[in-house]
Amino acid sequence: QAQPFAPSSSQSAPPAVAKPAANPSGTPAATSAVAPAAGPSAAPGEVEHPSPPSASSLSAPPLVAPPGDPAQRLKWLEARIDQVTQVLLPTRARVGIAVLDVDSGRLLYGKNDVAPLNIASNVKLFTTAAALALLGPEYRFKTVLSAERGADRSEYKNLYLRGYGDPSLSTEDLWKLTLELSSRGIKRIKGDIIIDDSFFDDQRVGPAFEQKNQDNAYRAPQGAVSLNYNAVGIRVQPGGGDGQPPRVALDPQSAYFVISNEARTVQSGRTSLVVEASEEKDAPPGRERTVIRVRGTIRASDSGQDFNKRVAHPDLYAGATLLELLTRRGIQVAGKVSRGTAPPTALLVDSHYSQPLGVLARNINKHSNNFMAEQVLKSLGADSSGKPGSWQKGLQAVSRYLETLGIAPGKYQMVNGSGLFDSNRFTATQVVMLLRAAYRDFRFAADFVASLALAGADGTIGHRMAGSVAERYVRAKTGTLSGISCLSGYAGAPAPGSQPLRPPLAFSILVNDLGEDGSVQPAKRLQDAVVEALVTYLSVSPATPAAPLK
């Protein structure tokens, strides 16, 4: 997220931007907020699918210490995984489990491990591993600001913003780019602000995204020029009195947005707001905007409600924000925001470079950022097969990489880079094959492993397995859709006694068809129980008898 920054005292700076968060699980984010009738309002939260009482009452049987003999210890592991699967998982669910020794390549446990299943956001493992292998963890995404000379030194004719697929570009980054214009003494842009989006093709929405037409931030469109994950932050606060419209603030603010405020402030009752984002109808090409509609009520004592929504036109969104920032710098723009291509003769003003891909991968995997995953996939396609980047080119690059690992084309189905919707199919064995290959590739292994969430500490499993034997000894990627829950990654353990540290185990636990209510809690309990067994299995020294578990 962007950090607060201090402009020069003579300029009016935009507020520090916290990029709209992409929904980690791939499930719909909350689009309405309901606060209690009295007292401080409850912050809107992401609601998964509540578990029925019968599911929430199940728990794993007590974990018994494994024997020290290697053969008996392996049998203990097999029996334990079978036991928790039978106890915790509904009979209707389909499950695929694979546990692989990353050192020897030996499959220690397999259950339906060659059955193709929807792995949801575990697809991001394939996207990031391929990108790190082919682009390198040092790869940085570039955004270029260029211009055509004007009549004198204080003006430019046209200003060009050219993107190369940066998945992390923020309002703060644009603000810093405009500083160079001020430093050069530029006071006017006589012509237009032209957005060059030609590094990608014009397909904005990923394959399978058409299955749901939603305005959630996690379903944001793609573009070679993209800003703030192509989402906008919306804050709604009470108005001046009963019956008055609430205050609606956008972050970032620009002329790209149209606000339709139909909500009202109430002295009594509940806060119940609905915020929707949609494409403006019948707008001429190049003049399209996103309409933010706010409906419902907000209690006068409410401290405010926050929402994140996708924008419809990434290029125009970035361009309008750039225009707003230039205005705050005191630079006049006579023209409009438009689409086009920067000429080779354009004068370079400044360039922004993202953090290295090895760092960006942490946001993709730890927080399951869908937008960033798709952006990286299209960039991979442009780099490997030439611009414009496309989903087809990106998927072909991933396919070629997987083939080198022994995962043949036609044996899996990958149609996008994030794992959203009912579209991708892999087996548990294929997932652990990828995990083993990534762990053993010294060129990017450290970056890939560090990108995964740490049990009980951070990311999408920061709240899971805390206080258990698995806390901080499991790095994994979650995958969640309605009725689907997956967890794949590495399980390690402290070195037993004076023994050398063992390589971790690669695991994949894929659960589909959890039921009509969509509850994923039984699958999460199963996954936690399995990885706790893996850590326990690794913690026992084969040379000494097992000590009782505390």
Protein backbone atom coordinates (compact mmCIF):
# COMPACT_ATOMS: atom_id res chain seq x y z
CA GLN A 1 0.00 0.00 0.00
CA ALA A 2 1.07 3.53 -0.66
CA GLN A 3 2.63 5.32 2.29
CA PRO A 4 1.99 8.91 3.33
CA PHE A 5 4.16 11.41 1.53
CA ALA A 6 4.96 15.08 1.94
CA PRO A 7 4.80 17.37 -1.10
CA SER A 8 6.47 20.73 -1.19
CA SER A 9 4.80 23.34 0.96
CA SER A 10 3.59 25.28 -2.08
CA GLN A 11 1.57 22.38 -3.49
CA SER A 12 -1.72 20.82 -2.52
CA ALA A 13 -1.06 17.10 -2.26
CA PRO A 14 -3.56 14.32 -2.75
CA PRO A 15 -4.28 12.26 0.32
CA ALA A 16 -2.05 9.28 0.99
CA VAL A 17 -3.62 6.41 -0.89
CA ALA A 18 -4.35 3.02 0.55
CA LYS A 19 -4.95 0.90 -2.52
CA PRO A 20 -8.35 -0.82 -2.55
CA ALA A 21 -7.78 -4.33 -1.28
CA ALA A 22 -8.44 -7.20 -3.60
CA ASN A 23 -10.64 -9.83 -2.01
CA PRO A 24 -8.22 -12.57 -0.84
CA SER A 25 -10.52 -15.52 -1.22
CA GLY A 26 -12.16 -14.80 -4.51
CA THR A 27 -15.56 -14.75 -2.85
CA PRO A 28 -17.77 -11.69 -3.33
CA ALA A 29 -16.81 -8.79 -1.10
CA ALA A 30 -19.41 -6.98 0.91
CA THR A 31 -21.34 -4.40 -1.14
CA SER A 32 -23.49 -3.15 1.66
CA ALA A 33 -22.90 -2.07 5.23
CA VAL A 34 -25.26 -2.59 8.13
CA ALA A 35 -24.49 -1.01 11.49
CA PRO A 36 -26.15 -1.58 14.88
CA ALA A 37 -29.09 0.63 15.77
CA ALA A 38 -27.09 2.32 18.50
CA GLY A 39 -23.46 2.99 19.28
CA PRO A 40 -20.50 2.96 16.90
CA SER A 41 -21.15 1.38 13.53
CA ALA A 42 -19.76 -2.03 12.75
CA ALA A 43 -17.13 -1.93 10.08
CA PRO A 44 -18.22 -3.69 6.90
CA GLY A 45 -16.46 -6.99 6.60
CA GLU A 46 -15.91 -9.70 4.09
CA VAL A 47 -18.51 -12.39 4.69
CA GLU A 48 -17.64 -15.85 3.50
CA HIS A 49 -20.35 -18.47 4.06
CA PRO A 50 -21.49 -19.12 7.62
CA SER A 51 -21.13 -22.69 8.77
CA PRO A 52 -24.16 -24.68 9.85
CA PRO A 53 -24.06 -25.79 13.49
CA SER A 54 -23.38 -29.39 12.52
CA ALA A 55 -20.24 -28.41 10.65
CA SER A 56 -18.89 -26.01 13.25
CA SER A 57 -19.23 -28.59 16.02
CA LEU A 58 -16.78 -31.01 14.38
CA SER A 59 -13.18 -31.05 15.53
CA ALA A 60 -10.14 -33.17 14.80
CA PRO A 61 -9.40 -36.13 17.09
CA PRO A 62 -6.46 -35.56 19.47
CA LEU A 63 -3.05 -35.75 17.83
CA VAL A 64 -1.06 -38.73 19.12
CA ALA A 65 2.74 -38.70 18.99
CA PRO A 66 4.17 -40.67 16.06
CA PRO A 67 6.69 -43.49 16.50
CA GLY A 68 10.39 -42.92 15.88
CA ASP A 69 10.82 -45.77 13.39
CA PRO A 70 10.66 -44.24 9.87
CA ALA A 71 8.42 -46.93 8.37
CA GLN A 72 6.03 -46.85 11.33
CA ARG A 73 6.07 -43.08 11.33
CA LEU A 74 4.97 -43.01 7.69
CA LYS A 75 2.14 -45.41 8.47
CA TRP A 76 1.16 -43.13 11.35
CA LEU A 77 0.99 -40.19 8.93
CA GLU A 78 -1.15 -42.09 6.46
CA ALA A 79 -3.52 -43.22 9.19
CA ARG A 80 -3.77 -39.73 10.67
CA ILE A 81 -4.67 -38.09 7.35
CA ASP A 82 -7.22 -40.81 6.63
CA GLN A 83 -8.69 -40.36 10.11
CA VAL A 84 -9.16 -36.58 9.97
CA THR A 85 -10.49 -36.76 6.41
CA GLN A 86 -13.17 -39.23 7.46
CA VAL A 87 -14.10 -37.31 10.61
CA LEU A 88 -14.03 -33.71 9.40
CA LEU A 89 -15.14 -33.77 5.77
CA PRO A 90 -18.76 -34.15 4.59
CA THR A 91 -19.28 -37.37 2.63
CA ARG A 92 -20.55 -35.42 -0.40
CA ALA A 93 -17.29 -33.49 -0.77
CA ARG A 94 -14.59 -34.42 -3.26
CA VAL A 95 -11.04 -34.25 -1.96
CA GLY A 96 -7.60 -34.60 -3.48
CA ILE A 97 -4.54 -34.76 -1.22
CA ALA A 98 -0.86 -35.17 -2.08
CA VAL A 99 2.20 -34.98 0.19
CA LEU A 100 5.62 -35.00 -1.45
CA ASP A 101 9.15 -35.11 -0.05
CA VAL A 102 10.79 -32.18 -1.86
CA ASP A 103 14.25 -33.70 -1.40
CA SER A 104 13.69 -37.18 -2.82
CA GLY A 105 10.56 -36.54 -4.88
CA ARG A 106 8.85 -39.44 -3.14
CA LEU A 107 5.07 -39.25 -2.78
CA LEU A 108 4.47 -39.90 0.92
CA TYR A 109 0.68 -39.76 0.75
CA GLY A 110 -1.89 -39.62 -2.00
CA LYS A 111 -5.67 -39.64 -1.93
CA ASN A 112 -7.46 -38.98 -5.21
CA ASP A 113 -4.27 -37.12 -6.04
CA VAL A 114 -4.67 -37.46 -9.83
CA ALA A 115 -8.29 -36.27 -9.90
CA PRO A 116 -8.65 -32.87 -11.64
CA LEU A 117 -10.29 -30.38 -9.29
CA ASN A 118 -11.01 -26.65 -9.18
CA ILE A 119 -8.06 -25.30 -7.21
CA ALA A 120 -9.40 -21.71 -7.01
CA SER A 121 -6.64 -19.24 -6.07
CA ASN A 122 -4.03 -21.99 -5.89
CA VAL A 123 -3.72 -21.17 -9.61
CA LYS A 124 -1.67 -18.17 -8.48
CA LEU A 125 1.08 -20.63 -7.52
CA PHE A 126 1.43 -21.56 -11.20
CA THR A 127 1.25 -17.94 -12.36
CA THR A 128 3.88 -16.65 -9.94
CA ALA A 129 6.24 -19.63 -10.29
CA ALA A 130 6.24 -19.32 -14.07
CA ALA A 131 6.69 -15.54 -13.93
CA LEU A 132 9.56 -15.76 -11.42
CA ALA A 133 11.24 -18.47 -13.50
CA LEU A 134 10.84 -16.75 -16.87
CA LEU A 135 11.03 -13.05 -15.98
CA GLY A 136 13.24 -13.39 -12.92
CA PRO A 137 12.61 -12.10 -9.38
CA GLU A 138 14.53 -8.92 -10.26
CA TYR A 139 12.06 -7.94 -13.02
CA ARG A 140 10.53 -4.47 -12.61
CA PHE A 141 7.52 -2.97 -14.36
CA LYS A 142 7.99 0.41 -16.01
CA THR A 143 5.65 3.38 -16.44
CA VAL A 144 6.87 6.24 -18.65
CA LEU A 145 5.84 9.89 -18.75
CA SER A 146 6.84 11.64 -21.99
CA ALA A 147 5.86 14.79 -23.86
CA GLU A 148 6.08 16.79 -27.07
CA ARG A 149 7.86 20.12 -26.81
CA GLY A 150 5.73 23.24 -26.77
CA ALA A 151 6.27 26.78 -27.99
CA ASP A 152 8.45 27.70 -25.01
CA ARG A 153 10.19 26.10 -22.05
CA SER A 154 7.18 26.46 -19.75
CA GLU A 155 4.80 24.29 -21.76
CA TYR A 156 4.42 20.94 -23.46
CA LYS A 157 2.15 20.24 -26.39
CA ASN A 158 0.88 16.75 -25.48
CA LEU A 159 1.69 14.66 -22.42
CA TYR A 160 1.90 10.85 -22.73
CA LEU A 161 1.54 8.23 -20.02
CA ARG A 162 2.73 4.87 -21.29
CA GLY A 163 2.33 1.71 -19.24
CA TYR A 164 4.05 -1.66 -19.32
CA GLY A 165 1.69 -3.62 -17.12
CA ASP A 166 2.71 -2.43 -13.63
CA PRO A 167 0.32 -4.22 -11.24
CA SER A 168 1.22 -1.94 -8.33
CA LEU A 169 1.11 1.62 -9.72
CA SER A 170 -0.48 3.96 -7.17
CA THR A 171 -1.69 7.55 -6.97
CA GLU A 172 1.46 8.34 -5.00
CA ASP A 173 3.59 7.06 -7.89
CA LEU A 174 1.75 9.34 -10.33
CA TRP A 175 2.19 12.26 -7.94
CA LYS A 176 5.94 11.66 -7.92
CA LEU A 177 6.02 11.56 -11.72
CA THR A 178 4.35 14.98 -11.88
CA LEU A 179 7.11 16.38 -9.65
CA GLU A 180 9.53 16.21 -12.56
CA LEU A 181 7.24 18.49 -14.59
CA SER A 182 7.26 21.05 -11.79
CA SER A 183 11.03 20.77 -11.48
CA ARG A 184 11.38 21.58 -15.18
CA GLY A 185 9.26 24.70 -14.77
CA ILE A 186 6.36 23.38 -16.84
CA LYS A 187 3.23 25.49 -16.29
CA ARG A 188 0.95 24.34 -19.11
CA ILE A 189 0.01 21.31 -21.18
CA LYS A 190 -1.31 22.94 -24.34
CA GLY A 191 -2.74 19.72 -25.78
CA ASP A 192 -4.08 16.46 -24.34
CA ILE A 193 -3.08 13.89 -21.76
CA ILE A 194 -2.75 10.77 -23.92
CA ILE A 195 -2.76 7.30 -22.37
CA ASP A 196 -0.71 4.70 -24.24
CA ASP A 197 -2.11 1.30 -23.31
CA SER A 198 -0.64 -0.56 -26.31
CA PHE A 199 1.57 -2.96 -24.33
CA PHE A 200 -1.57 -5.07 -23.71
CA ASP A 201 -4.36 -6.05 -26.05
CA ASP A 202 -7.80 -4.51 -25.59
CA GLN A 203 -9.37 -7.44 -23.71
CA ARG A 204 -10.06 -5.97 -20.29
CA VAL A 205 -11.78 -8.82 -18.47
CA GLY A 206 -10.13 -12.20 -17.99
CA PRO A 207 -11.38 -15.53 -19.30
CA ALA A 208 -14.23 -16.93 -17.14
CA PHE A 209 -14.80 -13.52 -15.54
CA GLU A 210 -17.95 -13.25 -17.62
CA GLN A 211 -19.53 -15.90 -15.39
CA LYS A 212 -20.37 -13.14 -12.90
CA ASN A 213 -21.07 -9.52 -13.75
CA GLN A 214 -20.07 -7.88 -10.49
CA ASP A 215 -18.64 -4.52 -9.46
CA ASN A 216 -16.42 -5.95 -6.71
CA ALA A 217 -12.82 -4.73 -6.56
CA TYR A 218 -11.49 -8.28 -6.84
CA ARG A 219 -12.98 -8.45 -10.37
CA ALA A 220 -11.19 -5.34 -11.63
CA PRO A 221 -10.30 -5.11 -15.34
CA GLN A 222 -6.75 -5.19 -16.70
CA GLY A 223 -4.75 -2.60 -18.60
CA ALA A 224 -1.13 -1.86 -19.44
CA VAL A 225 -1.78 1.46 -17.69
CA SER A 226 -3.52 0.58 -14.43
CA LEU A 227 -3.84 2.45 -11.16
CA ASN A 228 -4.63 1.37 -7.59
CA TYR A 229 -5.52 -2.17 -8.73
CA ASN A 230 -8.09 -0.49 -11.02
CA ALA A 231 -10.35 0.09 -8.05
CA VAL A 232 -11.57 3.15 -6.19
CA GLY A 233 -12.03 3.70 -2.47
CA ILE A 234 -15.39 5.15 -1.40
CA ARG A 235 -16.07 6.61 2.04
CA VAL A 236 -19.59 7.48 3.12
CA GLN A 237 -20.10 9.69 6.20
CA PRO A 238 -23.28 11.17 7.74
CA GLY A 239 -24.61 14.45 6.38
CA GLY A 240 -25.43 17.62 8.27
CA GLY A 241 -28.73 16.47 9.76
CA ASP A 242 -31.71 14.15 9.62
CA GLY A 243 -32.82 13.57 6.04
CA GLN A 244 -29.70 15.16 4.57
CA PRO A 245 -27.60 13.33 1.97
CA PRO A 246 -24.42 11.82 3.39
CA ARG A 247 -20.97 12.97 2.38
CA VAL A 248 -19.37 10.75 -0.26
CA ALA A 249 -15.60 10.97 -0.81
CA LEU A 250 -13.62 9.08 -3.43
CA ASP A 251 -9.97 8.08 -3.28
CA PRO A 252 -8.59 9.10 -5.70
CA GLN A 253 -10.94 11.89 -6.71
CA SER A 254 -11.20 12.90 -10.38
CA ALA A 255 -13.61 13.93 -13.12
CA TYR A 256 -13.71 10.30 -14.27
CA PHE A 257 -16.35 9.52 -11.65
CA VAL A 258 -20.01 10.49 -11.49
CA ILE A 259 -21.53 10.26 -8.00
CA SER A 260 -25.25 9.51 -7.69
CA ASN A 261 -26.03 10.07 -4.02
CA GLU A 262 -29.52 8.79 -3.19
CA ALA A 263 -28.80 7.95 0.45
CA ARG A 264 -30.05 9.81 3.52
CA THR A 265 -28.82 10.51 7.04
CA VAL A 266 -31.10 9.30 9.84
CA GLN A 267 -31.12 10.18 13.54
CA SER A 268 -32.46 6.78 14.57
CA GLY A 269 -32.53 3.35 13.01
CA ARG A 270 -29.73 1.40 11.39
CA THR A 271 -27.00 2.18 8.90
CA SER A 272 -27.86 0.25 5.77
CA LEU A 273 -25.95 1.35 2.71
CA VAL A 274 -25.61 -0.10 -0.76
CA VAL A 275 -22.83 1.19 -3.02
CA GLU A 276 -22.72 0.19 -6.68
CA ALA A 277 -20.33 1.01 -9.51
CA SER A 278 -21.35 0.82 -13.16
CA GLU A 279 -20.29 2.06 -16.57
CA GLU A 280 -21.92 5.28 -17.69
CA LYS A 281 -24.44 4.55 -20.43
CA ASP A 282 -24.31 6.03 -23.96
CA ALA A 283 -21.03 7.85 -23.39
CA PRO A 284 -19.01 8.57 -26.57
CA PRO A 285 -15.67 6.72 -26.97
CA GLY A 286 -12.95 8.34 -24.91
CA ARG A 287 -15.49 10.04 -22.66
CA GLU A 288 -16.62 6.99 -20.70
CA ARG A 289 -16.91 7.27 -16.94
CA THR A 290 -17.78 5.11 -13.95
CA VAL A 291 -20.95 5.95 -12.01
CA ILE A 292 -20.85 5.49 -8.23
CA ARG A 293 -24.39 5.08 -6.87
CA VAL A 294 -25.00 5.29 -3.12
CA ARG A 295 -28.36 4.20 -1.70
CA GLY A 296 -29.84 3.53 1.73
CA THR A 297 -29.41 5.18 5.12
CA ILE A 298 -26.56 6.08 7.43
CA ARG A 299 -27.05 6.84 11.10
CA ALA A 300 -26.02 10.35 12.17
CA SER A 301 -23.72 8.91 14.86
CA ASP A 302 -21.96 6.58 12.39
CA SER A 303 -18.22 7.19 12.05
CA GLY A 304 -18.31 6.31 8.36
CA GLN A 305 -18.40 3.32 6.02
CA ASP A 306 -15.76 2.28 3.47
CA PHE A 307 -16.20 0.45 0.18
CA ASN A 308 -13.94 -0.61 -2.69
CA LYS A 309 -15.28 -0.91 -6.24
CA ARG A 310 -13.84 -1.72 -9.66
CA VAL A 311 -13.54 0.93 -12.33
CA ALA A 312 -14.65 0.26 -15.90
CA HIS A 313 -11.91 1.99 -17.92
CA PRO A 314 -8.39 1.65 -16.49
CA ASP A 315 -6.75 4.00 -19.01
CA LEU A 316 -9.23 6.87 -18.60
CA TYR A 317 -9.22 6.38 -14.82
CA ALA A 318 -5.43 6.77 -14.70
CA GLY A 319 -5.51 9.69 -17.11
CA ALA A 320 -8.16 11.61 -15.18
CA THR A 321 -6.24 11.05 -11.96
CA LEU A 322 -3.07 12.35 -13.62
CA LEU A 323 -4.96 15.45 -14.78
CA GLU A 324 -6.21 16.04 -11.23
CA LEU A 325 -2.68 15.75 -9.84
CA LEU A 326 -1.28 18.13 -12.45
CA THR A 327 -3.92 20.66 -11.48
CA ARG A 328 -2.86 20.37 -7.84
CA ARG A 329 0.72 20.99 -8.96
CA GLY A 330 -0.47 24.22 -10.55
CA ILE A 331 0.01 22.92 -14.10
CA GLN A 332 -2.82 23.88 -16.46
CA VAL A 333 -4.12 21.34 -18.98
CA ALA A 334 -5.91 22.87 -21.94
CA GLY A 335 -6.96 19.61 -23.58
CA LYS A 336 -8.63 16.41 -22.45
CA VAL A 337 -7.74 12.86 -21.48
CA SER A 338 -7.63 10.62 -24.55
CA ARG A 339 -6.29 7.32 -25.84
CA GLY A 340 -3.36 7.03 -28.22
CA THR A 341 0.23 5.96 -28.80
CA ALA A 342 3.32 7.83 -27.72
CA PRO A 343 5.45 8.75 -30.77
CA PRO A 344 9.10 7.60 -30.82
CA THR A 345 10.17 11.26 -30.92
CA ALA A 346 8.44 12.09 -27.61
CA LEU A 347 10.72 13.62 -24.99
CA LEU A 348 11.24 11.45 -21.93
CA VAL A 349 10.10 13.30 -18.80
CA ASP A 350 10.50 10.59 -16.17
CA SER A 351 10.01 6.86 -15.54
CA HIS A 352 8.66 4.96 -12.58
CA TYR A 353 9.82 1.43 -11.80
CA SER A 354 7.88 -0.94 -9.58
CA GLN A 355 9.36 -3.03 -6.82
CA PRO A 356 10.96 -6.27 -8.07
CA LEU A 357 8.66 -9.10 -9.07
CA GLY A 358 10.03 -11.15 -6.18
CA VAL A 359 8.54 -8.56 -3.82
CA LEU A 360 5.28 -8.09 -5.73
CA ALA A 361 4.70 -11.85 -5.67
CA ARG A 362 4.17 -11.58 -1.91
CA ASN A 363 1.06 -9.48 -2.43
CA ILE A 364 -0.22 -11.94 -5.02
CA ASN A 365 0.22 -15.05 -2.88
CA LYS A 366 0.07 -13.84 0.71
CA HIS A 367 -3.04 -11.73 0.09
CA SER A 368 -4.38 -13.50 -3.01
CA ASN A 369 -4.49 -10.38 -5.15
CA ASN A 370 -6.48 -11.38 -8.24
CA PHE A 371 -5.82 -8.21 -10.21
CA MET A 372 -2.05 -8.49 -9.82
CA ALA A 373 -2.04 -12.15 -10.86
CA GLU A 374 -3.85 -11.40 -14.13
CA GLN A 375 -1.65 -8.37 -14.76
CA VAL A 376 1.51 -10.45 -14.33
CA LEU A 377 0.15 -13.15 -16.64
CA LYS A 378 -0.50 -10.68 -19.49
CA SER A 379 2.92 -9.08 -18.93
CA LEU A 380 4.51 -12.52 -19.13
CA GLY A 381 2.76 -13.01 -22.47
CA ALA A 382 4.08 -9.70 -23.83
CA ASP A 383 7.62 -10.48 -22.67
CA SER A 384 7.68 -14.03 -24.04
CA SER A 385 5.80 -13.57 -27.34
CA GLY A 386 5.93 -9.84 -28.00
CA LYS A 387 3.39 -7.12 -27.45
CA PRO A 388 0.52 -6.77 -27.13
CA GLY A 389 0.34 -8.96 -24.05
CA SER A 390 -2.72 -11.19 -23.88
CA TRP A 391 -4.13 -13.98 -21.78
CA GLN A 392 -3.45 -16.46 -24.58
CA LYS A 393 0.22 -15.51 -24.81
CA GLY A 394 0.60 -15.59 -21.03
CA LEU A 395 -1.03 -18.99 -20.72
CA GLN A 396 1.19 -20.33 -23.50
CA ALA A 397 4.26 -19.16 -21.58
CA VAL A 398 3.04 -20.89 -18.41
CA SER A 399 2.31 -24.04 -20.42
CA ARG A 400 5.84 -24.14 -21.81
CA TYR A 401 7.26 -23.74 -18.31
CA LEU A 402 5.06 -26.48 -16.84
CA GLU A 403 6.06 -28.83 -19.64
CA THR A 404 9.68 -28.57 -18.47
CA LEU A 405 8.49 -29.81 -15.07
CA GLY A 406 6.75 -32.84 -16.55
CA ILE A 407 3.24 -31.36 -16.41
CA ALA A 408 2.08 -31.93 -19.96
CA PRO A 409 -0.41 -29.75 -21.88
CA GLY A 410 -3.85 -31.31 -22.00
CA LYS A 411 -3.44 -32.86 -18.56
CA TYR A 412 -4.75 -29.75 -16.79
CA GLN A 413 -6.96 -26.73 -17.52
CA MET A 414 -5.75 -23.20 -16.86
CA VAL A 415 -7.72 -20.34 -18.40
CA ASN A 416 -6.73 -17.35 -16.23
CA GLY A 417 -4.00 -16.34 -13.81
CA SER A 418 -5.96 -15.80 -10.60
CA GLY A 419 -8.11 -18.93 -10.31
CA LEU A 420 -11.40 -17.08 -10.23
CA PHE A 421 -14.68 -18.77 -11.02
CA ASP A 422 -15.44 -22.25 -12.38
CA SER A 423 -12.62 -22.45 -14.88
CA ASN A 424 -9.32 -24.05 -13.80
CA ARG A 425 -8.55 -27.69 -13.08
CA PHE A 426 -5.38 -29.24 -11.65
CA THR A 427 -4.61 -32.36 -9.66
CA ALA A 428 -3.03 -32.41 -6.21
CA THR A 429 -0.05 -34.26 -7.66
CA GLN A 430 0.50 -31.53 -10.25
CA VAL A 431 0.43 -28.88 -7.52
CA VAL A 432 3.10 -30.61 -5.42
CA MET A 433 5.21 -31.23 -8.55
CA LEU A 434 5.20 -27.47 -9.11
CA LEU A 435 6.01 -26.80 -5.45
CA ARG A 436 8.96 -29.19 -5.52
CA ALA A 437 10.33 -27.69 -8.73
CA ALA A 438 10.05 -24.13 -7.40
CA TYR A 439 11.71 -25.07 -4.11
CA ARG A 440 14.64 -26.69 -5.93
CA ASP A 441 15.24 -23.86 -8.42
CA PHE A 442 17.87 -21.73 -6.73
CA ARG A 443 17.25 -18.80 -9.11
CA PHE A 444 13.93 -17.89 -7.49
CA ALA A 445 13.21 -20.44 -4.73
CA ALA A 446 13.73 -17.95 -1.89
CA ASP A 447 11.38 -15.41 -3.50
CA PHE A 448 8.69 -17.98 -4.21
CA VAL A 449 8.68 -19.49 -0.73
CA ALA A 450 8.72 -16.03 0.87
CA SER A 451 5.64 -15.07 -1.18
CA LEU A 452 3.48 -17.62 0.64
CA ALA A 453 1.41 -16.83 3.72
CA LEU A 454 2.89 -17.89 7.06
CA ALA A 455 0.63 -19.90 9.37
CA GLY A 456 -0.47 -17.93 12.42
CA ALA A 457 1.53 -14.88 11.33
CA ASP A 458 0.48 -13.20 8.08
CA GLY A 459 -1.49 -13.34 4.86
CA THR A 460 -4.60 -15.41 4.33
CA ILE A 461 -3.56 -17.97 6.99
CA GLY A 462 -2.38 -15.41 9.53
CA HIS A 463 -5.41 -16.27 11.68
CA ARG A 464 -5.12 -20.04 11.24
CA MET A 465 -3.10 -22.60 13.19
CA ALA A 466 -1.98 -20.01 15.74
CA GLY A 467 -0.82 -21.70 18.93
CA SER A 468 -0.53 -25.11 17.23
CA VAL A 469 2.59 -27.06 16.27
CA ALA A 470 2.16 -25.65 12.74
CA GLU A 471 2.42 -21.98 13.73
CA ARG A 472 5.19 -20.36 11.63
CA TYR A 473 6.20 -23.79 10.25
CA VAL A 474 3.75 -23.76 7.33
CA ARG A 475 3.93 -21.52 4.27
CA ALA A 476 0.95 -21.93 2.00
CA LYS A 477 -1.48 -20.49 -0.52
CA THR A 478 -5.21 -20.60 0.10
CA GLY A 479 -7.91 -20.95 -2.53
CA THR A 480 -11.55 -20.22 -1.77
CA LEU A 481 -14.71 -20.13 -3.85
CA SER A 482 -18.25 -21.07 -2.92
CA GLY A 483 -18.11 -24.73 -1.90
CA ILE A 484 -14.37 -24.92 -2.68
CA SER A 485 -11.41 -24.67 -0.32
CA CYS A 486 -7.77 -25.44 -1.12
CA LEU A 487 -4.50 -25.14 0.74
CA SER A 488 -1.13 -25.92 -0.85
CA GLY A 489 2.39 -25.15 0.21
CA TYR A 490 5.23 -26.34 2.43
CA ALA A 491 5.32 -27.83 5.92
CA GLY A 492 8.57 -27.66 7.85
CA ALA A 493 9.65 -28.31 11.41
CA PRO A 494 12.36 -27.38 13.88
CA ALA A 495 15.51 -29.48 13.63
CA PRO A 496 15.01 -32.45 15.98
CA GLY A 497 17.77 -32.47 18.56
CA SER A 498 21.22 -32.34 16.97
CA GLN A 499 19.91 -33.56 13.60
CA PRO A 500 20.37 -31.31 10.54
CA LEU A 501 17.38 -29.31 9.36
CA ARG A 502 15.22 -31.38 7.06
CA PRO A 503 13.77 -30.14 3.78
CA PRO A 504 10.04 -29.42 4.06
CA LEU A 505 7.21 -31.47 2.69
CA ALA A 506 5.20 -30.11 -0.22
CA PHE A 507 1.47 -30.63 0.22
CA SER A 508 -1.76 -29.92 -1.59
CA ILE A 509 -5.20 -30.35 -0.03
CA LEU A 510 -7.99 -29.65 -2.53
CA VAL A 511 -11.64 -29.85 -1.51
CA ASN A 512 -14.57 -29.36 -3.92
CA ASP A 513 -18.34 -29.78 -3.68
CA LEU A 514 -18.69 -28.83 -0.03
CA GLY A 515 -22.44 -28.33 -0.32
CA GLU A 516 -25.15 -25.92 -1.28
CA ASP A 517 -24.55 -23.59 1.66
CA GLY A 518 -21.03 -22.99 0.37
CA SER A 519 -19.44 -23.41 3.80
CA VAL A 520 -15.69 -24.01 3.64
CA GLN A 521 -15.11 -24.37 7.38
CA PRO A 522 -15.02 -28.21 7.40
CA ALA A 523 -12.35 -28.13 4.68
CA LYS A 524 -10.29 -25.56 6.58
CA ARG A 525 -10.38 -27.73 9.71
CA LEU A 526 -9.26 -30.69 7.63
CA GLN A 527 -6.41 -28.71 6.06
CA ASP A 528 -5.20 -27.43 9.42
CA ALA A 529 -5.31 -30.91 10.91
CA VAL A 530 -3.37 -32.40 8.00
CA VAL A 531 -0.57 -29.82 8.04
CA GLU A 532 -0.29 -30.09 11.81
CA ALA A 533 0.25 -33.82 11.27
CA LEU A 534 2.92 -33.06 8.66
CA VAL A 535 4.82 -30.76 11.03
CA THR A 536 4.57 -33.37 13.78
CA TYR A 537 5.79 -36.06 11.38
CA LEU A 538 8.86 -33.99 10.52
CA SER A 539 9.55 -33.02 14.13
CA VAL A 540 10.28 -36.54 15.32
CA SER A 541 13.88 -37.71 15.13
CA PRO A 542 14.12 -41.20 13.61
CA ALA A 543 17.10 -41.97 15.83
CA THR A 544 15.30 -41.52 19.15
CA PRO A 545 11.91 -42.53 20.56
CA ALA A 546 9.14 -39.99 20.20
CA ALA A 547 8.45 -37.76 23.18
CA PRO A 548 4.87 -37.22 24.32
CA LEU A 549 3.20 -34.23 22.70
CA LYS A 550 2.51 -31.30 25.00
